[in-house]
Protein backbone atom coordinates (compact mmCIF):
# COMPACT_ATOMS: atom_id res chain seq x y z
CA MET A 1 61.48 -248.00 -271.40
CA SER A 2 61.42 -247.39 -275.14
CA LYS A 3 57.67 -247.97 -275.30
CA VAL A 4 57.07 -245.27 -272.68
CA GLN A 5 59.52 -242.80 -274.19
CA ASN A 6 58.04 -243.12 -277.70
CA ARG A 7 54.43 -242.57 -276.76
CA ARG A 8 52.44 -240.34 -279.10
CA PRO A 9 49.01 -238.78 -278.59
CA ALA A 10 47.56 -241.29 -281.06
CA ASP A 11 48.70 -244.11 -278.73
CA ILE A 12 46.98 -242.65 -275.65
CA GLU A 13 43.84 -244.43 -274.46
CA CYS A 14 43.00 -242.25 -271.44
CA TRP A 15 43.38 -238.53 -270.88
CA LEU A 16 43.68 -236.45 -267.73
CA THR A 17 43.55 -232.70 -268.13
CA ASP A 18 43.76 -229.73 -265.84
CA MET A 19 40.84 -227.33 -266.05
CA ASP A 20 41.90 -223.72 -265.42
CA GLY A 21 44.47 -222.52 -267.92
CA VAL A 22 43.97 -225.56 -270.16
CA LEU A 23 40.25 -225.81 -270.98
CA VAL A 24 39.05 -222.49 -269.53
CA HIS A 25 40.65 -219.11 -268.96
CA GLU A 26 38.87 -216.41 -266.96
CA ASN A 27 35.58 -218.33 -267.20
CA LYS A 28 35.73 -218.65 -270.98
CA ALA A 29 36.49 -221.79 -272.96
CA VAL A 30 39.97 -221.88 -274.48
CA PRO A 31 39.72 -222.13 -278.29
CA GLY A 32 39.83 -225.80 -279.24
CA ALA A 33 38.76 -227.09 -275.80
CA ALA A 34 35.18 -227.93 -276.80
CA GLU A 35 36.40 -229.66 -279.96
CA LEU A 36 38.96 -231.70 -277.99
CA ILE A 37 36.35 -232.91 -275.51
CA GLN A 38 34.01 -233.79 -278.38
CA ARG A 39 36.84 -235.73 -280.07
CA TRP A 40 37.36 -237.75 -276.89
CA VAL A 41 33.63 -238.48 -276.71
CA ASP A 42 33.41 -239.41 -280.41
CA THR A 43 36.38 -241.79 -280.14
CA SER A 44 35.23 -243.29 -276.81
CA LYS A 45 38.35 -242.13 -274.98
CA ARG A 46 38.20 -242.28 -271.19
CA PHE A 47 38.99 -238.88 -269.73
CA LEU A 48 38.80 -236.83 -266.55
CA VAL A 49 39.02 -233.09 -266.01
CA LEU A 50 41.07 -232.43 -262.87
CA THR A 51 41.10 -229.46 -260.54
CA ASN A 52 42.81 -228.71 -257.24
CA ASN A 53 39.84 -226.53 -256.30
CA SER A 54 37.83 -228.31 -253.61
CA ILE A 55 35.01 -225.76 -253.30
CA PHE A 56 32.62 -227.18 -255.88
CA THR A 57 30.90 -230.52 -256.29
CA PRO A 58 31.18 -232.18 -259.73
CA ARG A 59 27.60 -231.10 -260.44
CA ASP A 60 28.47 -227.47 -259.63
CA LEU A 61 31.60 -227.65 -261.79
CA ALA A 62 29.73 -229.18 -264.72
CA ALA A 63 27.27 -226.28 -264.59
CA ARG A 64 30.08 -223.71 -264.41
CA LEU A 65 31.86 -225.32 -267.36
CA LYS A 66 28.64 -225.39 -269.37
CA ALA A 67 28.28 -221.64 -268.76
CA SER A 68 31.81 -221.28 -270.14
CA GLY A 69 30.86 -223.18 -273.29
CA LEU A 70 32.10 -226.66 -272.37
CA ASP A 71 29.85 -229.69 -272.01
CA VAL A 72 31.60 -231.97 -269.50
CA PRO A 73 29.48 -234.59 -267.68
CA GLU A 74 29.89 -234.52 -263.91
CA GLU A 75 31.24 -238.09 -263.93
CA ASN A 76 34.18 -236.78 -265.96
CA LEU A 77 35.26 -234.33 -263.25
CA TRP A 78 37.79 -235.19 -260.56
CA THR A 79 38.57 -232.71 -257.78
CA SER A 80 41.09 -232.64 -254.96
CA ALA A 81 38.08 -233.01 -252.63
CA LEU A 82 37.08 -236.32 -254.27
CA ALA A 83 40.69 -237.53 -254.22
CA THR A 84 41.00 -236.58 -250.53
CA ALA A 85 37.77 -238.39 -249.65
CA GLN A 86 38.90 -241.51 -251.52
CA PHE A 87 42.28 -241.41 -249.79
CA LEU A 88 40.77 -241.05 -246.31
CA LYS A 89 38.24 -243.82 -246.98
CA SER A 90 41.14 -246.13 -247.89
CA GLN A 91 43.01 -245.13 -244.72
CA LEU A 92 40.20 -245.25 -242.17
CA PRO A 93 36.74 -246.30 -243.38
CA HIS A 94 33.89 -244.61 -241.48
CA GLY A 95 36.31 -242.22 -239.80
CA ARG A 96 35.59 -238.86 -238.20
CA ALA A 97 36.78 -235.53 -239.56
CA PHE A 98 36.69 -231.86 -238.65
CA VAL A 99 36.42 -230.06 -241.98
CA ILE A 100 37.21 -226.53 -243.07
CA GLY A 101 35.80 -226.26 -246.57
CA GLU A 102 32.72 -225.95 -248.71
CA ALA A 103 30.18 -228.26 -250.34
CA GLY A 104 32.66 -229.92 -252.69
CA LEU A 105 34.65 -231.26 -249.74
CA THR A 106 31.89 -231.91 -247.21
CA THR A 107 29.75 -233.73 -249.79
CA ALA A 108 32.69 -235.90 -250.92
CA LEU A 109 33.52 -236.89 -247.33
CA HIS A 110 29.88 -237.60 -246.49
CA GLU A 111 29.57 -239.82 -249.56
CA ALA A 112 32.77 -241.61 -248.54
CA GLY A 113 31.10 -242.55 -245.23
CA PHE A 114 32.82 -240.04 -242.94
CA ILE A 115 31.22 -238.41 -239.93
CA LEU A 116 31.87 -234.66 -239.84
CA THR A 117 32.37 -233.52 -236.27
CA ASP A 118 34.43 -231.36 -233.94
CA GLN A 119 34.30 -234.03 -231.23
CA ASN A 120 37.39 -236.26 -231.16
CA PRO A 121 37.95 -236.33 -234.94
CA ASP A 122 40.52 -238.66 -236.47
CA TYR A 123 41.43 -236.00 -239.03
CA VAL A 124 41.41 -232.26 -239.53
CA VAL A 125 40.75 -231.75 -243.25
CA LEU A 126 41.55 -228.35 -244.69
CA GLY A 127 40.14 -227.40 -248.08
CA GLU A 128 39.32 -224.30 -250.10
CA THR A 129 36.73 -221.82 -248.91
CA ARG A 130 35.97 -218.23 -249.76
CA THR A 131 35.25 -217.43 -246.10
CA TYR A 132 37.99 -218.81 -243.84
CA SER A 133 36.87 -218.49 -240.22
CA PHE A 134 39.45 -217.60 -237.57
CA GLU A 135 37.30 -219.53 -235.09
CA ALA A 136 37.41 -222.67 -237.26
CA ILE A 137 41.17 -222.32 -237.78
CA THR A 138 41.66 -222.00 -234.03
CA GLN A 139 39.54 -225.12 -233.51
CA ALA A 140 41.63 -226.97 -236.09
CA ILE A 141 44.86 -225.98 -234.34
CA ARG A 142 43.55 -227.26 -231.00
CA LEU A 143 42.28 -230.55 -232.48
CA ILE A 144 45.61 -231.20 -234.20
CA GLY A 145 47.33 -230.43 -230.89
CA ASP A 146 45.09 -233.08 -229.31
CA GLY A 147 46.21 -235.69 -231.86
CA ALA A 148 44.01 -235.33 -234.95
CA ARG A 149 45.93 -236.01 -238.17
CA PHE A 150 46.29 -233.03 -240.51
CA ILE A 151 45.18 -233.35 -244.16
CA ALA A 152 45.01 -230.63 -246.84
CA THR A 153 43.26 -231.00 -250.16
CA ASN A 154 45.84 -228.99 -252.11
CA PRO A 155 48.97 -226.87 -251.63
CA ASP A 156 47.96 -223.77 -253.61
CA ALA A 157 48.95 -220.71 -251.58
CA THR A 158 46.74 -218.28 -253.48
CA GLY A 159 43.71 -218.38 -255.70
CA PRO A 160 42.42 -215.92 -258.30
CA SER A 161 39.67 -213.38 -257.81
CA LYS A 162 38.47 -210.35 -259.74
CA GLU A 163 40.23 -208.11 -257.22
CA GLY A 164 43.50 -210.05 -257.35
CA PRO A 165 45.11 -212.98 -255.49
CA MET A 166 43.42 -214.26 -252.35
CA PRO A 167 44.84 -216.65 -249.72
CA ALA A 168 44.06 -220.28 -250.42
CA THR A 169 44.51 -223.68 -248.77
CA GLY A 170 48.32 -223.67 -248.77
CA ALA A 171 48.53 -220.30 -247.03
CA VAL A 172 46.06 -221.31 -244.32
CA ALA A 173 47.82 -224.68 -243.93
CA ALA A 174 51.08 -222.78 -243.33
CA LEU A 175 49.39 -220.80 -240.56
CA ILE A 176 48.16 -224.02 -238.90
CA THR A 177 51.58 -225.64 -239.32
CA LYS A 178 53.26 -222.64 -237.69
CA ALA A 179 50.90 -222.91 -234.73
CA THR A 180 51.10 -226.69 -234.33
CA GLY A 181 54.46 -227.75 -235.72
CA ARG A 182 52.57 -230.32 -237.83
CA GLU A 183 52.79 -230.45 -241.62
CA PRO A 184 49.68 -231.62 -243.48
CA TYR A 185 49.58 -234.54 -245.86
CA VAL A 186 48.53 -232.88 -249.12
CA VAL A 187 46.51 -235.04 -251.52
CA GLY A 188 46.10 -232.74 -254.54
CA LYS A 189 48.60 -231.83 -257.25
CA PRO A 190 51.58 -232.04 -257.36
CA ASN A 191 51.13 -235.23 -255.30
CA PRO A 192 50.99 -238.00 -257.94
CA MET A 193 48.32 -239.63 -255.76
CA MET A 194 45.83 -237.20 -257.28
CA PHE A 195 46.57 -238.69 -260.70
CA ARG A 196 46.66 -242.27 -259.48
CA SER A 197 43.25 -241.87 -257.85
CA ALA A 198 41.94 -240.36 -261.09
CA MET A 199 43.34 -243.26 -263.10
CA ASN A 200 41.71 -245.73 -260.71
CA ARG A 201 38.42 -243.95 -261.28
CA ILE A 202 38.53 -244.59 -265.05
CA GLN A 203 40.53 -247.84 -264.90
CA ALA A 204 43.47 -246.30 -266.72
CA HIS A 205 47.09 -247.46 -266.87
CA SER A 206 50.03 -245.08 -266.75
CA GLU A 207 51.59 -246.51 -269.93
CA THR A 208 48.60 -245.39 -272.01
CA THR A 209 47.51 -242.26 -270.13
CA ALA A 210 48.45 -238.63 -270.75
CA MET A 211 48.21 -235.50 -268.61
CA ILE A 212 47.60 -232.05 -270.08
CA GLY A 213 48.52 -229.12 -267.87
CA ASP A 214 49.51 -225.47 -267.87
CA ARG A 215 51.94 -225.57 -264.92
CA MET A 216 55.37 -227.15 -264.86
CA ASP A 217 55.46 -227.10 -261.04
CA THR A 218 52.24 -229.07 -260.50
CA ASP A 219 50.71 -230.70 -263.59
CA ILE A 220 53.86 -231.69 -265.45
CA ILE A 221 56.01 -232.82 -262.52
CA ALA A 222 53.16 -234.84 -261.01
CA GLY A 223 52.32 -236.38 -264.38
CA MET A 224 55.95 -237.27 -264.91
CA GLU A 225 56.24 -238.83 -261.45
CA ALA A 226 53.06 -240.83 -262.09
CA GLY A 227 54.61 -242.20 -265.30
CA LEU A 228 52.27 -240.41 -267.70
CA HIS A 229 52.80 -238.84 -271.11
CA THR A 230 52.88 -235.12 -270.29
CA VAL A 231 51.59 -232.28 -272.47
CA LEU A 232 52.27 -228.66 -271.48
CA VAL A 233 50.09 -225.92 -272.99
CA PHE A 234 50.88 -222.22 -272.87
CA THR A 235 47.35 -220.92 -272.24
CA GLY A 236 47.79 -220.66 -268.48
CA ILE A 237 50.56 -220.11 -265.94
CA THR A 238 53.79 -221.48 -267.48
CA GLN A 239 55.03 -219.64 -270.56
CA PRO A 240 57.68 -220.82 -273.08
CA GLU A 241 60.40 -218.70 -271.50
CA ASP A 242 59.73 -220.32 -268.09
CA VAL A 243 60.40 -223.92 -269.12
CA ASP A 244 64.21 -223.71 -269.04
CA ALA A 245 64.13 -222.86 -265.33
CA TYR A 246 63.02 -226.44 -264.54
CA PRO A 247 65.29 -229.51 -264.45
CA PHE A 248 62.67 -231.65 -266.24
CA ARG A 249 60.76 -231.40 -269.50
CA PRO A 250 57.25 -232.22 -270.69
CA ASP A 251 56.95 -234.85 -273.40
CA GLN A 252 55.19 -232.26 -275.55
CA ALA A 253 54.79 -228.48 -275.37
CA LEU A 254 51.99 -226.88 -277.41
CA ALA A 255 50.47 -223.43 -277.79
CA SER A 256 47.04 -224.76 -276.77
CA VAL A 257 44.83 -227.85 -276.71
CA ALA A 258 43.71 -226.90 -280.24
CA ASP A 259 47.06 -228.26 -281.43
CA LEU A 260 46.23 -231.70 -280.00
CA ILE A 261 42.99 -232.31 -281.86
CA HIS A 262 44.51 -233.47 -285.14
CA GLU A 263 46.97 -235.76 -283.33
CA ILE A 264 44.38 -237.90 -281.56
């Protein structure tokens, strides 16, 4: 245990980092984020940028990050949609799924060999979309009632918009659960499976991998449960005064990712 407890950033070989609130804030790069990514590239560190958002494909996300001032190759992006597709492929190769979601999710499932259909699907897969259809939700409820297994990409109840919070996957999943009595299996954070699938992607080991996040209730708890070195930054949701409310602690707490650069 002493080896794990005494890990330092300089000992870390692979890095996982959340995106919103860590690298970008309101579509602008957080100071130090570009330099941190460049440091990882220069020192040949394996890294993935993680997001619970399942709307966008890695190519879309790479373009959005570039517009924010961050150059992240699409192969270094890992979404809850990709993690969900990998999980379902491991459970039932060439399965059938009824999907509520956008290109990030449908593309990931297609590439994993799934058939997307509303005829006798093995799974109902609920992801993020900016236009939830009552008709599609009704169809999902009926298919789950007929025996389809219920999967959700992430548990986030709300998402941000310029006008304020908007309902997200977790809120719609709660509606479906209320109508069916069936809880979804949720693949994204804080399920440590999201991190394990990411580590598999870059052939990382928990003993030498760190997770950077801005939320105690998703990033830090999931990183801790996956056995990672955890780094909390205060450029997003969790603020210093919030930390004491939780019965666990990050391994490190920093003002921003800029404070990590000199430690790597």
